Amino acid sequence: MKTHTPEQATVADDPKAREALRLAFENTARWPQGFKGFTAELTVNINGKEFHGPVTVKGPREVSVQLSDGEVQKWAQDQLAMIAVHRGPRTFDESDGKYTLTMEEDGHPLGARLDIHGSHSFYRVKDHRITQINRTMSHPNMAPFAFTINVEESAITQDKKHLTTKYTVYYFSPEDGKLKNVESFTDTHARVGAADLPATRRIIAFENGCVVVKSFALSRHQLL
């Protein structure tokens, strides 16, 4: 599977691609400007075993989770940090708008291909929504890996923005294309003030030769 186009020396920015991605960005729900975070009570369920504790989320790098199991605590903290990354307030120019963008109408059922040059990524965009994300990543002392996210379902918020509620992530090797893992996410949200906060998340994945179901539920949200 093709994950990204090799970067060329000069690529002209496509105004149509920029407008298409800008509209998709603006149609996506995020926490409001000035959002300071929230606290909540957390319940984690890993294949039937439950863990309980308080959480505080201020931003992607400021997530505090207190659970009795260190490994489960780190998993919950990582999940909440990922949500904060995607839902945190930011502008289009601070996000993908800072890259050179091009677009190709190739008849794909998930929409036009939109390349984000310089990020080893391309999206698919349809009906002013990002429907697929493809990215290749590499880190020091780690083998390169790639993933494809297919957005399957979304809800409409009080602000008339789209909020993803179901998506699937396919992880594979960019070198030989072999599938490594699949994770299926189902999310719900709770409206608190002017923000749509995470309420539940369920992840079905394949780990160590078996299917694993992990979930969390947040209650008693309080804005900071």
N, C-alpha and C. Protein backbone atom coordinates (compact mmCIF):
# COMPACT_ATOMS: atom_id res chain seq x y z
N MET A 1 0.84 -1.19 0.00
CA MET A 1 0.00 0.00 0.00
C MET A 1 0.87 1.24 0.00
N LYS A 2 0.52 2.21 -0.83
CA LYS A 2 1.30 3.43 -0.91
C LYS A 2 0.96 4.33 0.26
N THR A 3 1.96 4.78 0.99
CA THR A 3 1.70 5.58 2.18
C THR A 3 2.03 7.04 1.98
N HIS A 4 3.01 7.37 1.14
CA HIS A 4 3.29 8.77 0.87
C HIS A 4 4.12 8.88 -0.39
N THR A 5 4.06 10.04 -0.98
CA THR A 5 4.82 10.32 -2.18
C THR A 5 6.15 10.91 -1.79
N PRO A 6 7.29 10.42 -2.35
CA PRO A 6 8.58 11.00 -2.03
C PRO A 6 8.57 12.51 -2.28
N GLU A 7 9.12 13.29 -1.33
CA GLU A 7 9.13 14.73 -1.46
C GLU A 7 10.03 15.17 -2.61
N GLN A 8 9.55 16.12 -3.38
CA GLN A 8 10.32 16.64 -4.49
C GLN A 8 10.94 17.97 -4.07
N ALA A 9 11.91 18.45 -4.87
CA ALA A 9 12.62 19.67 -4.53
C ALA A 9 11.68 20.85 -4.45
N THR A 10 10.78 20.98 -5.41
CA THR A 10 9.83 22.08 -5.41
C THR A 10 8.44 21.54 -5.74
N VAL A 11 7.50 21.84 -4.90
CA VAL A 11 6.11 21.46 -5.12
C VAL A 11 5.26 22.71 -4.94
N ALA A 12 4.45 23.02 -5.92
CA ALA A 12 3.61 24.21 -5.85
C ALA A 12 2.38 23.93 -5.00
N ASP A 13 2.08 24.84 -4.11
CA ASP A 13 0.90 24.71 -3.27
C ASP A 13 -0.36 24.87 -4.13
N ASP A 14 -1.33 23.99 -3.91
CA ASP A 14 -2.57 23.99 -4.68
C ASP A 14 -3.65 24.70 -3.86
N PRO A 15 -4.14 25.87 -4.33
CA PRO A 15 -5.16 26.60 -3.58
C PRO A 15 -6.43 25.78 -3.34
N LYS A 16 -6.81 24.91 -4.28
CA LYS A 16 -7.99 24.08 -4.10
C LYS A 16 -7.77 23.08 -2.97
N ALA A 17 -6.58 22.51 -2.90
CA ALA A 17 -6.26 21.58 -1.82
C ALA A 17 -6.28 22.31 -0.48
N ARG A 18 -5.71 23.50 -0.44
CA ARG A 18 -5.68 24.27 0.80
C ARG A 18 -7.08 24.62 1.28
N GLU A 19 -7.95 25.03 0.36
CA GLU A 19 -9.31 25.37 0.74
C GLU A 19 -10.08 24.13 1.20
N ALA A 20 -9.87 23.00 0.52
CA ALA A 20 -10.57 21.77 0.90
C ALA A 20 -10.17 21.32 2.30
N LEU A 21 -8.88 21.38 2.61
CA LEU A 21 -8.43 20.94 3.94
C LEU A 21 -8.81 21.97 5.00
N ARG A 22 -8.79 23.23 4.65
CA ARG A 22 -9.20 24.26 5.61
C ARG A 22 -10.67 24.08 6.00
N LEU A 23 -11.53 23.80 5.03
CA LEU A 23 -12.94 23.59 5.33
C LEU A 23 -13.13 22.35 6.21
N ALA A 24 -12.40 21.28 5.90
CA ALA A 24 -12.48 20.07 6.72
C ALA A 24 -12.01 20.35 8.14
N PHE A 25 -10.95 21.13 8.26
CA PHE A 25 -10.42 21.49 9.58
C PHE A 25 -11.46 22.28 10.36
N GLU A 26 -12.08 23.26 9.71
CA GLU A 26 -13.05 24.12 10.39
C GLU A 26 -14.33 23.38 10.74
N ASN A 27 -14.62 22.29 10.05
CA ASN A 27 -15.81 21.50 10.34
C ASN A 27 -15.59 20.49 11.45
N THR A 28 -14.38 20.40 11.97
CA THR A 28 -14.05 19.42 13.01
C THR A 28 -14.13 20.05 14.40
N ALA A 29 -14.79 19.38 15.32
CA ALA A 29 -14.98 19.91 16.68
C ALA A 29 -13.65 19.92 17.44
N ARG A 30 -13.43 21.03 18.16
CA ARG A 30 -12.28 21.16 19.05
C ARG A 30 -12.73 21.88 20.31
N TRP A 31 -11.93 21.75 21.34
CA TRP A 31 -12.23 22.49 22.55
C TRP A 31 -12.06 23.99 22.28
N PRO A 32 -12.84 24.83 22.94
CA PRO A 32 -12.81 26.26 22.63
C PRO A 32 -11.50 26.94 23.02
N GLN A 33 -11.23 28.06 22.37
CA GLN A 33 -10.07 28.86 22.74
C GLN A 33 -10.16 29.24 24.21
N GLY A 34 -9.03 29.20 24.90
CA GLY A 34 -9.01 29.50 26.32
C GLY A 34 -9.36 28.32 27.20
N PHE A 35 -9.56 27.13 26.59
CA PHE A 35 -9.90 25.93 27.35
C PHE A 35 -8.76 25.59 28.31
N LYS A 36 -9.07 25.45 29.59
CA LYS A 36 -8.04 25.22 30.61
C LYS A 36 -7.97 23.78 31.08
N GLY A 37 -8.92 22.94 30.64
CA GLY A 37 -8.87 21.54 31.00
C GLY A 37 -10.06 21.11 31.84
N PHE A 38 -9.97 19.87 32.36
CA PHE A 38 -11.06 19.33 33.16
C PHE A 38 -10.55 18.25 34.10
N THR A 39 -11.37 17.94 35.10
CA THR A 39 -11.13 16.80 35.97
C THR A 39 -12.31 15.85 35.82
N ALA A 40 -12.10 14.59 36.17
CA ALA A 40 -13.18 13.60 36.09
C ALA A 40 -12.79 12.37 36.89
N GLU A 41 -13.78 11.50 37.12
CA GLU A 41 -13.54 10.19 37.72
C GLU A 41 -13.44 9.17 36.59
N LEU A 42 -12.42 8.32 36.65
CA LEU A 42 -12.12 7.39 35.57
C LEU A 42 -12.35 5.94 36.01
N THR A 43 -12.97 5.16 35.12
CA THR A 43 -13.05 3.71 35.28
C THR A 43 -12.48 3.08 34.02
N VAL A 44 -11.47 2.23 34.20
CA VAL A 44 -10.85 1.51 33.09
C VAL A 44 -11.22 0.04 33.20
N ASN A 45 -11.56 -0.58 32.08
CA ASN A 45 -11.87 -2.01 32.03
C ASN A 45 -10.98 -2.66 30.98
N ILE A 46 -10.13 -3.59 31.43
CA ILE A 46 -9.24 -4.33 30.54
C ILE A 46 -9.67 -5.79 30.55
N ASN A 47 -10.40 -6.20 29.52
CA ASN A 47 -10.87 -7.59 29.43
C ASN A 47 -11.62 -8.03 30.68
N GLY A 48 -12.37 -7.10 31.29
CA GLY A 48 -13.20 -7.45 32.44
C GLY A 48 -12.64 -7.04 33.79
N LYS A 49 -11.38 -6.64 33.86
CA LYS A 49 -10.78 -6.21 35.13
C LYS A 49 -10.84 -4.69 35.21
N GLU A 50 -11.42 -4.17 36.30
CA GLU A 50 -11.65 -2.74 36.41
C GLU A 50 -10.65 -2.05 37.34
N PHE A 51 -10.40 -0.79 37.01
CA PHE A 51 -9.53 0.08 37.79
C PHE A 51 -10.20 1.44 37.89
N HIS A 52 -10.09 2.09 39.05
CA HIS A 52 -10.78 3.36 39.26
C HIS A 52 -9.80 4.40 39.80
N GLY A 53 -10.04 5.66 39.43
CA GLY A 53 -9.20 6.72 39.96
C GLY A 53 -9.52 8.06 39.33
N PRO A 54 -8.95 9.14 39.86
CA PRO A 54 -9.21 10.48 39.34
C PRO A 54 -8.27 10.82 38.17
N VAL A 55 -8.73 11.74 37.33
CA VAL A 55 -7.90 12.24 36.23
C VAL A 55 -8.00 13.76 36.17
N THR A 56 -6.92 14.37 35.70
CA THR A 56 -6.90 15.79 35.39
C THR A 56 -6.26 15.95 34.02
N VAL A 57 -6.95 16.62 33.12
CA VAL A 57 -6.44 16.85 31.76
C VAL A 57 -6.38 18.35 31.54
N LYS A 58 -5.17 18.87 31.34
CA LYS A 58 -4.99 20.29 31.03
C LYS A 58 -4.53 20.50 29.59
N GLY A 59 -3.88 19.49 29.03
CA GLY A 59 -3.37 19.54 27.67
C GLY A 59 -2.66 18.25 27.37
N PRO A 60 -2.15 18.08 26.12
CA PRO A 60 -1.50 16.82 25.74
C PRO A 60 -0.33 16.43 26.64
N ARG A 61 0.40 17.41 27.18
CA ARG A 61 1.55 17.12 28.02
C ARG A 61 1.24 17.30 29.51
N GLU A 62 -0.02 17.59 29.80
CA GLU A 62 -0.42 17.76 31.20
C GLU A 62 -1.64 16.89 31.48
N VAL A 63 -1.40 15.60 31.58
CA VAL A 63 -2.45 14.63 31.88
C VAL A 63 -2.04 13.85 33.12
N SER A 64 -2.86 13.90 34.14
CA SER A 64 -2.58 13.17 35.38
C SER A 64 -3.64 12.10 35.58
N VAL A 65 -3.19 10.86 35.75
CA VAL A 65 -4.08 9.72 36.00
C VAL A 65 -3.57 8.97 37.22
N GLN A 66 -4.44 8.62 38.14
CA GLN A 66 -4.04 7.89 39.33
C GLN A 66 -4.81 6.57 39.40
N LEU A 67 -4.09 5.48 39.06
CA LEU A 67 -4.66 4.14 39.13
C LEU A 67 -3.70 3.23 39.89
N SER A 68 -4.21 2.11 40.37
CA SER A 68 -3.40 1.21 41.19
C SER A 68 -2.39 0.41 40.37
N ASP A 69 -2.64 0.25 39.07
CA ASP A 69 -1.75 -0.52 38.20
C ASP A 69 -0.98 0.45 37.30
N GLY A 70 0.34 0.42 37.36
CA GLY A 70 1.16 1.36 36.61
C GLY A 70 1.01 1.25 35.10
N GLU A 71 0.93 0.00 34.60
CA GLU A 71 0.81 -0.19 33.15
C GLU A 71 -0.54 0.31 32.64
N VAL A 72 -1.60 0.01 33.38
CA VAL A 72 -2.92 0.48 33.00
C VAL A 72 -3.00 2.01 33.12
N GLN A 73 -2.37 2.55 34.13
CA GLN A 73 -2.34 4.00 34.31
C GLN A 73 -1.69 4.68 33.11
N LYS A 74 -0.55 4.13 32.65
CA LYS A 74 0.12 4.72 31.49
C LYS A 74 -0.74 4.62 30.24
N TRP A 75 -1.44 3.48 30.06
CA TRP A 75 -2.32 3.33 28.90
C TRP A 75 -3.41 4.40 28.92
N ALA A 76 -4.05 4.58 30.07
CA ALA A 76 -5.12 5.58 30.17
C ALA A 76 -4.57 6.99 29.95
N GLN A 77 -3.40 7.25 30.49
CA GLN A 77 -2.79 8.58 30.31
C GLN A 77 -2.48 8.83 28.85
N ASP A 78 -1.96 7.82 28.15
CA ASP A 78 -1.65 7.97 26.73
C ASP A 78 -2.93 8.21 25.91
N GLN A 79 -4.00 7.51 26.25
CA GLN A 79 -5.25 7.70 25.51
C GLN A 79 -5.79 9.11 25.70
N LEU A 80 -5.78 9.60 26.91
CA LEU A 80 -6.29 10.94 27.18
C LEU A 80 -5.40 12.01 26.56
N ALA A 81 -4.09 11.75 26.55
CA ALA A 81 -3.18 12.70 25.91
C ALA A 81 -3.43 12.76 24.41
N MET A 82 -3.69 11.59 23.79
CA MET A 82 -3.99 11.56 22.36
C MET A 82 -5.27 12.33 22.05
N ILE A 83 -6.28 12.16 22.90
CA ILE A 83 -7.52 12.90 22.71
C ILE A 83 -7.26 14.41 22.83
N ALA A 84 -6.45 14.80 23.81
CA ALA A 84 -6.13 16.22 24.00
C ALA A 84 -5.39 16.79 22.80
N VAL A 85 -4.52 16.00 22.18
CA VAL A 85 -3.81 16.46 20.98
C VAL A 85 -4.80 16.77 19.87
N HIS A 86 -5.76 15.88 19.65
CA HIS A 86 -6.69 16.03 18.54
C HIS A 86 -7.79 17.05 18.81
N ARG A 87 -8.16 17.22 20.08
CA ARG A 87 -9.28 18.10 20.42
C ARG A 87 -8.84 19.47 20.91
N GLY A 88 -7.56 19.64 21.21
CA GLY A 88 -7.08 20.91 21.73
C GLY A 88 -7.26 22.05 20.74
N PRO A 89 -7.50 23.27 21.23
CA PRO A 89 -7.69 24.41 20.33
C PRO A 89 -6.41 24.76 19.58
N ARG A 90 -6.54 24.97 18.28
CA ARG A 90 -5.43 25.41 17.45
C ARG A 90 -6.00 25.91 16.13
N THR A 91 -5.19 26.66 15.41
CA THR A 91 -5.63 27.19 14.12
C THR A 91 -5.18 26.26 12.99
N PHE A 92 -5.77 26.47 11.83
CA PHE A 92 -5.39 25.69 10.66
C PHE A 92 -3.92 25.91 10.31
N ASP A 93 -3.46 27.16 10.43
CA ASP A 93 -2.06 27.47 10.10
C ASP A 93 -1.09 26.84 11.09
N GLU A 94 -1.55 26.57 12.30
CA GLU A 94 -0.71 25.89 13.29
C GLU A 94 -0.70 24.39 13.06
N SER A 95 -1.66 23.90 12.29
CA SER A 95 -1.79 22.47 12.03
C SER A 95 -1.25 22.16 10.63
N ASP A 96 -2.04 21.48 9.81
CA ASP A 96 -1.57 21.08 8.48
C ASP A 96 -1.43 22.25 7.52
N GLY A 97 -1.99 23.40 7.87
CA GLY A 97 -1.89 24.56 7.00
C GLY A 97 -0.48 25.09 6.83
N LYS A 98 0.45 24.67 7.68
CA LYS A 98 1.83 25.14 7.56
C LYS A 98 2.62 24.39 6.49
N TYR A 99 2.03 23.32 5.91
CA TYR A 99 2.70 22.53 4.88
C TYR A 99 2.23 22.92 3.48
N THR A 100 2.99 22.49 2.49
CA THR A 100 2.56 22.61 1.10
C THR A 100 1.55 21.51 0.82
N LEU A 101 0.43 21.87 0.19
CA LEU A 101 -0.67 20.94 -0.01
C LEU A 101 -0.98 20.77 -1.49
N THR A 102 -1.22 19.54 -1.91
CA THR A 102 -1.68 19.26 -3.27
C THR A 102 -2.80 18.23 -3.20
N MET A 103 -3.61 18.17 -4.26
CA MET A 103 -4.78 17.30 -4.24
C MET A 103 -4.95 16.62 -5.59
N GLU A 104 -5.44 15.37 -5.54
CA GLU A 104 -5.68 14.59 -6.76
C GLU A 104 -7.05 13.92 -6.66
N GLU A 105 -7.90 14.19 -7.64
CA GLU A 105 -9.20 13.53 -7.72
C GLU A 105 -9.00 12.20 -8.44
N ASP A 106 -8.99 11.11 -7.69
CA ASP A 106 -8.69 9.80 -8.28
C ASP A 106 -9.86 8.83 -8.24
N GLY A 107 -11.06 9.32 -7.90
CA GLY A 107 -12.24 8.47 -7.91
C GLY A 107 -12.37 7.53 -6.72
N HIS A 108 -11.53 7.68 -5.72
CA HIS A 108 -11.58 6.81 -4.54
C HIS A 108 -12.89 7.01 -3.78
N PRO A 109 -13.50 5.92 -3.25
CA PRO A 109 -14.78 6.05 -2.54
C PRO A 109 -14.70 6.91 -1.28
N LEU A 110 -13.51 7.08 -0.71
CA LEU A 110 -13.37 7.92 0.48
C LEU A 110 -12.99 9.35 0.13
N GLY A 111 -12.93 9.66 -1.17
CA GLY A 111 -12.70 11.04 -1.57
C GLY A 111 -11.34 11.29 -2.17
N ALA A 112 -11.09 12.56 -2.46
CA ALA A 112 -9.85 12.97 -3.13
C ALA A 112 -8.64 12.75 -2.23
N ARG A 113 -7.53 12.46 -2.86
CA ARG A 113 -6.27 12.32 -2.14
C ARG A 113 -5.65 13.71 -1.96
N LEU A 114 -5.27 14.03 -0.72
CA LEU A 114 -4.69 15.32 -0.41
C LEU A 114 -3.35 15.09 0.27
N ASP A 115 -2.26 15.44 -0.41
CA ASP A 115 -0.91 15.21 0.11
C ASP A 115 -0.45 16.39 0.95
N ILE A 116 0.12 16.08 2.12
CA ILE A 116 0.68 17.08 3.01
C ILE A 116 2.20 16.95 2.90
N HIS A 117 2.79 17.73 2.01
CA HIS A 117 4.21 17.58 1.69
C HIS A 117 5.08 18.03 2.87
N GLY A 118 6.05 17.18 3.20
CA GLY A 118 6.94 17.46 4.32
C GLY A 118 6.53 16.75 5.60
N SER A 119 5.39 16.06 5.58
CA SER A 119 4.94 15.37 6.80
C SER A 119 4.82 13.86 6.60
N HIS A 120 5.20 13.36 5.40
CA HIS A 120 5.08 11.93 5.09
C HIS A 120 3.64 11.45 5.30
N SER A 121 2.69 12.29 4.90
CA SER A 121 1.28 11.98 5.12
C SER A 121 0.44 12.33 3.91
N PHE A 122 -0.65 11.61 3.75
CA PHE A 122 -1.71 12.07 2.87
C PHE A 122 -3.06 11.69 3.46
N TYR A 123 -4.04 12.53 3.16
CA TYR A 123 -5.40 12.32 3.65
C TYR A 123 -6.31 12.02 2.48
N ARG A 124 -7.52 11.62 2.81
CA ARG A 124 -8.62 11.63 1.85
C ARG A 124 -9.71 12.52 2.42
N VAL A 125 -10.28 13.34 1.54
CA VAL A 125 -11.25 14.35 1.95
C VAL A 125 -12.50 14.20 1.11
N LYS A 126 -13.64 14.19 1.80
CA LYS A 126 -14.93 14.06 1.11
C LYS A 126 -15.99 14.80 1.91
N ASP A 127 -16.83 15.59 1.22
CA ASP A 127 -17.92 16.32 1.86
C ASP A 127 -17.42 17.16 3.04
N HIS A 128 -16.30 17.83 2.83
CA HIS A 128 -15.72 18.73 3.84
C HIS A 128 -15.33 18.00 5.11
N ARG A 129 -14.95 16.72 4.96
CA ARG A 129 -14.51 15.92 6.10
C ARG A 129 -13.27 15.13 5.72
N ILE A 130 -12.34 14.98 6.67
CA ILE A 130 -11.22 14.07 6.49
C ILE A 130 -11.74 12.66 6.75
N THR A 131 -11.67 11.82 5.75
CA THR A 131 -12.22 10.46 5.86
C THR A 131 -11.14 9.40 6.07
N GLN A 132 -9.90 9.74 5.73
CA GLN A 132 -8.80 8.78 5.90
C GLN A 132 -7.50 9.55 6.13
N ILE A 133 -6.66 8.99 7.00
CA ILE A 133 -5.33 9.55 7.28
C ILE A 133 -4.30 8.46 7.05
N ASN A 134 -3.28 8.75 6.25
CA ASN A 134 -2.19 7.82 5.98
C ASN A 134 -0.88 8.49 6.37
N ARG A 135 -0.06 7.80 7.16
CA ARG A 135 1.18 8.42 7.64
C ARG A 135 2.26 7.37 7.83
N THR A 136 3.47 7.74 7.49
CA THR A 136 4.66 6.93 7.76
C THR A 136 5.51 7.66 8.77
N MET A 137 5.99 6.93 9.79
CA MET A 137 6.76 7.55 10.86
C MET A 137 8.01 6.73 11.15
N SER A 138 9.02 7.42 11.65
CA SER A 138 10.24 6.75 12.08
C SER A 138 10.84 7.52 13.25
N HIS A 139 11.44 6.78 14.18
CA HIS A 139 12.06 7.37 15.35
C HIS A 139 13.43 6.71 15.54
N PRO A 140 14.37 7.40 16.17
CA PRO A 140 15.68 6.79 16.43
C PRO A 140 15.53 5.48 17.19
N ASN A 141 16.32 4.48 16.78
CA ASN A 141 16.34 3.17 17.43
C ASN A 141 15.02 2.41 17.29
N MET A 142 14.19 2.80 16.32
CA MET A 142 12.93 2.10 16.07
C MET A 142 12.77 1.85 14.58
N ALA A 143 12.19 0.70 14.25
CA ALA A 143 11.91 0.42 12.84
C ALA A 143 10.80 1.35 12.37
N PRO A 144 10.87 1.83 11.13
CA PRO A 144 9.80 2.67 10.60
C PRO A 144 8.47 1.94 10.65
N PHE A 145 7.39 2.68 10.86
CA PHE A 145 6.07 2.08 10.83
C PHE A 145 5.10 3.03 10.14
N ALA A 146 4.02 2.48 9.67
CA ALA A 146 3.02 3.27 8.97
C ALA A 146 1.65 2.90 9.49
N PHE A 147 0.70 3.81 9.32
CA PHE A 147 -0.67 3.50 9.71
C PHE A 147 -1.65 4.21 8.79
N THR A 148 -2.82 3.62 8.70
CA THR A 148 -3.95 4.21 7.99
C THR A 148 -5.13 4.25 8.95
N ILE A 149 -5.75 5.42 9.08
CA ILE A 149 -6.94 5.60 9.90
C ILE A 149 -8.13 5.82 8.97
N ASN A 150 -9.13 4.98 9.09
CA ASN A 150 -10.37 5.16 8.36
C ASN A 150 -11.44 5.67 9.32
N VAL A 151 -11.95 6.87 9.05
CA VAL A 151 -13.01 7.46 9.86
C VAL A 151 -14.34 6.89 9.39
N GLU A 152 -15.07 6.25 10.30
CA GLU A 152 -16.28 5.51 9.91
C GLU A 152 -17.57 6.22 10.31
N GLU A 153 -17.59 6.82 11.50
CA GLU A 153 -18.81 7.49 11.96
C GLU A 153 -18.45 8.74 12.75
N SER A 154 -19.35 9.72 12.72
CA SER A 154 -19.15 10.93 13.51
C SER A 154 -20.49 11.47 13.97
N ALA A 155 -20.44 12.29 15.01
CA ALA A 155 -21.63 12.95 15.54
C ALA A 155 -21.54 14.44 15.22
N ILE A 156 -22.69 15.12 15.27
CA ILE A 156 -22.74 16.56 15.08
C ILE A 156 -22.94 17.21 16.45
N THR A 157 -22.06 18.13 16.81
CA THR A 157 -22.13 18.77 18.11
C THR A 157 -23.15 19.92 18.11
N GLN A 158 -23.37 20.51 19.27
CA GLN A 158 -24.25 21.67 19.38
C GLN A 158 -23.75 22.83 18.53
N ASP A 159 -22.44 22.86 18.27
CA ASP A 159 -21.85 23.93 17.45
C ASP A 159 -21.84 23.59 15.97
N LYS A 160 -22.55 22.50 15.60
CA LYS A 160 -22.64 22.07 14.20
C LYS A 160 -21.28 21.65 13.63
N LYS A 161 -20.46 21.07 14.49
CA LYS A 161 -19.16 20.54 14.08
C LYS A 161 -19.20 19.02 14.13
N HIS A 162 -18.32 18.39 13.32
CA HIS A 162 -18.23 16.93 13.30
C HIS A 162 -17.27 16.46 14.39
N LEU A 163 -17.69 15.43 15.11
CA LEU A 163 -16.87 14.83 16.16
C LEU A 163 -16.83 13.33 15.92
N THR A 164 -15.66 12.81 15.61
CA THR A 164 -15.52 11.40 15.26
C THR A 164 -15.92 10.50 16.42
N THR A 165 -16.74 9.50 16.12
CA THR A 165 -17.19 8.56 17.15
C THR A 165 -16.73 7.13 16.89
N LYS A 166 -16.32 6.83 15.65
CA LYS A 166 -15.84 5.48 15.35
C LYS A 166 -14.81 5.53 14.24
N TYR A 167 -13.65 4.89 14.50
CA TYR A 167 -12.61 4.81 13.48
C TYR A 167 -11.75 3.57 13.71
N THR A 168 -11.08 3.15 12.66
CA THR A 168 -10.23 1.96 12.72
C THR A 168 -8.83 2.33 12.25
N VAL A 169 -7.81 1.83 12.97
CA VAL A 169 -6.42 2.11 12.64
C VAL A 169 -5.74 0.82 12.22
N TYR A 170 -5.11 0.84 11.04
CA TYR A 170 -4.35 -0.29 10.52
C TYR A 170 -2.87 0.06 10.59
N TYR A 171 -2.09 -0.73 11.32
CA TYR A 171 -0.66 -0.52 11.45
C TYR A 171 0.07 -1.54 10.58
N PHE A 172 1.05 -1.07 9.83
CA PHE A 172 1.77 -1.99 8.95
C PHE A 172 3.18 -1.50 8.71
N SER A 173 4.00 -2.37 8.14
CA SER A 173 5.38 -2.04 7.82
C SER A 173 5.43 -1.30 6.50
N PRO A 174 6.07 -0.13 6.44
CA PRO A 174 6.21 0.57 5.16
C PRO A 174 7.19 -0.11 4.22
N GLU A 175 7.97 -1.05 4.76
CA GLU A 175 8.99 -1.72 3.95
C GLU A 175 8.42 -2.89 3.16
N ASP A 176 7.60 -3.73 3.81
CA ASP A 176 7.06 -4.89 3.10
C ASP A 176 5.53 -4.91 3.04
N GLY A 177 4.88 -3.92 3.66
CA GLY A 177 3.43 -3.82 3.61
C GLY A 177 2.69 -4.80 4.51
N LYS A 178 3.41 -5.57 5.33
CA LYS A 178 2.74 -6.55 6.17
C LYS A 178 1.98 -5.88 7.31
N LEU A 179 0.75 -6.34 7.53
CA LEU A 179 -0.10 -5.81 8.58
C LEU A 179 0.43 -6.24 9.95
N LYS A 180 0.55 -5.28 10.86
CA LYS A 180 1.07 -5.55 12.20
C LYS A 180 -0.03 -5.64 13.26
N ASN A 181 -1.01 -4.76 13.14
CA ASN A 181 -2.08 -4.73 14.13
C ASN A 181 -3.24 -3.91 13.59
N VAL A 182 -4.41 -4.13 14.18
CA VAL A 182 -5.61 -3.35 13.86
C VAL A 182 -6.26 -2.96 15.18
N GLU A 183 -6.65 -1.69 15.31
CA GLU A 183 -7.36 -1.21 16.48
C GLU A 183 -8.65 -0.54 16.03
N SER A 184 -9.76 -0.93 16.64
CA SER A 184 -11.06 -0.34 16.34
C SER A 184 -11.50 0.50 17.53
N PHE A 185 -11.72 1.81 17.30
CA PHE A 185 -12.06 2.76 18.36
C PHE A 185 -13.54 3.15 18.26
N THR A 186 -14.22 3.18 19.41
CA THR A 186 -15.57 3.71 19.50
C THR A 186 -15.60 4.69 20.67
N ASP A 187 -15.98 5.95 20.40
CA ASP A 187 -15.97 7.01 21.40
C ASP A 187 -17.36 7.61 21.61
N THR A 188 -17.61 8.07 22.82
CA THR A 188 -18.77 8.93 23.08
C THR A 188 -18.26 10.17 23.82
N HIS A 189 -19.11 11.20 23.89
CA HIS A 189 -18.69 12.47 24.45
C HIS A 189 -19.78 13.05 25.34
N ALA A 190 -19.38 13.93 26.23
CA ALA A 190 -20.31 14.62 27.13
C ALA A 190 -20.12 16.12 26.98
N ARG A 191 -21.23 16.83 26.79
CA ARG A 191 -21.16 18.28 26.67
C ARG A 191 -21.11 18.90 28.06
N VAL A 192 -20.04 19.65 28.32
CA VAL A 192 -19.87 20.34 29.60
C VAL A 192 -19.51 21.78 29.27
N GLY A 193 -20.37 22.70 29.59
CA GLY A 193 -20.14 24.09 29.20
C GLY A 193 -20.13 24.21 27.69
N ALA A 194 -19.05 24.78 27.15
CA ALA A 194 -18.92 24.94 25.70
C ALA A 194 -18.03 23.88 25.07
N ALA A 195 -17.70 22.82 25.83
CA ALA A 195 -16.77 21.80 25.35
C ALA A 195 -17.42 20.42 25.31
N ASP A 196 -17.06 19.65 24.28
CA ASP A 196 -17.47 18.24 24.19
C ASP A 196 -16.30 17.40 24.71
N LEU A 197 -16.45 16.87 25.90
CA LEU A 197 -15.37 16.15 26.58
C LEU A 197 -15.51 14.65 26.37
N PRO A 198 -14.40 13.90 26.46
CA PRO A 198 -14.49 12.44 26.32
C PRO A 198 -15.33 11.84 27.43
N ALA A 199 -16.23 10.93 27.06
CA ALA A 199 -17.07 10.24 28.04
C ALA A 199 -16.70 8.77 28.11
N THR A 200 -16.63 8.11 26.96
CA THR A 200 -16.21 6.70 26.93
C THR A 200 -15.33 6.45 25.71
N ARG A 201 -14.50 5.46 25.82
CA ARG A 201 -13.71 4.95 24.68
C ARG A 201 -13.59 3.45 24.82
N ARG A 202 -13.84 2.73 23.71
CA ARG A 202 -13.62 1.28 23.66
C ARG A 202 -12.68 1.00 22.51
N ILE A 203 -11.66 0.18 22.77
CA ILE A 203 -10.69 -0.20 21.75
C ILE A 203 -10.65 -1.72 21.67
N ILE A 204 -10.87 -2.26 20.49
CA ILE A 204 -10.74 -3.69 20.24
C ILE A 204 -9.49 -3.87 19.39
N ALA A 205 -8.54 -4.65 19.88
CA ALA A 205 -7.25 -4.79 19.20
C ALA A 205 -6.78 -6.23 19.27
N PHE A 206 -5.74 -6.51 18.50
CA PHE A 206 -5.09 -7.83 18.51
C PHE A 206 -3.73 -7.67 19.15
N GLU A 207 -3.52 -8.34 20.30
CA GLU A 207 -2.26 -8.22 21.03
C GLU A 207 -1.80 -9.60 21.48
N ASN A 208 -0.54 -9.91 21.21
CA ASN A 208 0.07 -11.16 21.69
C ASN A 208 -0.77 -12.39 21.37
N GLY A 209 -1.28 -12.43 20.16
CA GLY A 209 -1.98 -13.63 19.69
C GLY A 209 -3.44 -13.73 20.06
N CYS A 210 -4.02 -12.66 20.65
CA CYS A 210 -5.44 -12.73 21.00
C CYS A 210 -6.08 -11.35 20.87
N VAL A 211 -7.40 -11.36 20.81
CA VAL A 211 -8.16 -10.11 20.73
C VAL A 211 -8.35 -9.57 22.14
N VAL A 212 -8.04 -8.29 22.32
CA VAL A 212 -8.13 -7.64 23.61
C VAL A 212 -9.12 -6.48 23.51
N VAL A 213 -9.98 -6.33 24.51
CA VAL A 213 -10.92 -5.22 24.56
C VAL A 213 -10.58 -4.36 25.77
N LYS A 214 -10.26 -3.10 25.51
CA LYS A 214 -9.96 -2.14 26.57
C LYS A 214 -10.95 -0.99 26.47
N SER A 215 -11.39 -0.50 27.61
CA SER A 215 -12.33 0.62 27.58
C SER A 215 -12.11 1.50 28.80
N PHE A 216 -12.56 2.75 28.67
CA PHE A 216 -12.61 3.61 29.84
C PHE A 216 -13.89 4.43 29.79
N ALA A 217 -14.31 4.87 30.98
CA ALA A 217 -15.48 5.73 31.12
C ALA A 217 -15.12 6.85 32.08
N LEU A 218 -15.50 8.07 31.72
CA LEU A 218 -15.27 9.24 32.56
C LEU A 218 -16.61 9.77 33.05
N SER A 219 -16.64 10.16 34.31
CA SER A 219 -17.88 10.72 34.89
C SER A 219 -17.50 11.89 35.79
N ARG A 220 -18.53 12.64 36.21
CA ARG A 220 -18.33 13.78 37.11
C ARG A 220 -17.31 14.78 36.54
N HIS A 221 -17.45 15.10 35.28
CA HIS A 221 -16.56 16.09 34.66
C HIS A 221 -16.72 17.44 35.35
N GLN A 222 -15.60 18.11 35.54
CA GLN A 222 -15.59 19.48 36.04
C GLN A 222 -14.56 20.28 35.23
N LEU A 223 -15.01 21.42 34.70
CA LEU A 223 -14.07 22.26 33.96
C LEU A 223 -13.15 23.00 34.94
N LEU A 224 -11.90 23.19 34.50
CA LEU A 224 -10.93 23.92 35.33
C LEU A 224 -11.02 25.42 35.03
